[in-house]
Amino acid sequence: MANTRNRLREMTRPAPEAKMPLATGLSRGAGEAAPAAVVTAAQRLNRAAGTIAASVLIDSAMEHYRGNFHNKAMWTPLVTSSLSIAVSVHGLSDKRHGAHPVRDLVYAVAGLVGAIGTGFHVYNVTKKVGGFNWQNIFYSAPLGAPAAMSLSGLIGFLAERVRDNEPNGEPKVFGLPAGRVVAATTAVSLLATTAEAGLLHFRGAFHNPAMLLPVTMPPVAAALLGAAAAGDAAKPRKFSRLWMAATAVMGVAGVAFHAYGVSRGMGGWRNWRQNAIAGPPLPAPPSFTGLALAGLAALALLKEHARD
């Protein structure tokens, strides 16, 4: 009888609920779908664009303050770079695929403003006595500074093009593999930024050996990215990733070196209102950090979407 009762109890006991496997695309704890690979890549590029825009904002604010904003157009890069930072932060938090029209517009305006600003700076040099000579190039409006705004817009534009792909499959930019396009674009951008740093450090006679780093490390990074853009996408390229990371750190370390340069002015940081403006530009080096982040994003795109 006891065995019969036990069997009846087992038969009437409700069946345990089947444990459904977690969806592979769920994030831990949040229960929301994890962003697709193209969105992750786009977010990395949004971060890079925002980093460059932040460098431009502070640099242009300091340089144009020194110029007393005598031309009202000197407010333009401050507004544009602020908007670029805002849309970059938005893109960094946006987990949806598909280009965002407002971000696209802001990045396009940033690219245009940078190009126009370069024209203004070239004009500023040519109108000086003696025209286009070394003295005027060294001590007039820096020729390459506005181009950093264009670079921020360009990297942001690429972020939106990458995001505008389907979640699955290899992302394309104008029909070309996105990883190769971003790698090639970043390589050229690194060389252009190196030229600007080289000009200003040449003005300083490279009196500190550390001043050689911004004219040696970024060109090597550009060469590595160029090789990645043209080479085998499936190649691990661990050294390239390490070099990009080192270049990003160099950009941050450059702020500390420039801060030391400011401290060497008469009065040091106690006279910061004059020395911070007249000394080496504090916010300029992080442009290399932003471009290195874009390079890391390019290498990740190549690795994640390598063809067998």
Foldseek 3Di string as FASTA:
>chain_A
DVVVVVVVVVVPDDDDDDDDDDDPQADPPPRDGAAFPLLVLLLLLLVLLLLLLVLLLQLLVLQVVVVVCPDVCSCVSNVLSVVSNVVSVVSNPDRAFAFDVSLLVSLVVLLVSLVVVLVVQQVQQQVDVVGDDLVSCQPGDPNCSSNSSNVSSVSNNLSNQSSRDDSDAFGDDVNHGSLLVLLQSLLVVLQSLLVSLVSNVVVVVCPDVLSCCSNPLSNVLSVLSNCCSPHALQDLPPVSLVSLVVQLVSLVVVLVVQLVQLQPPVVGCVPVSPSCSPTDPNSSSNNSNSSSSSNNSSSVSSNVRGDD
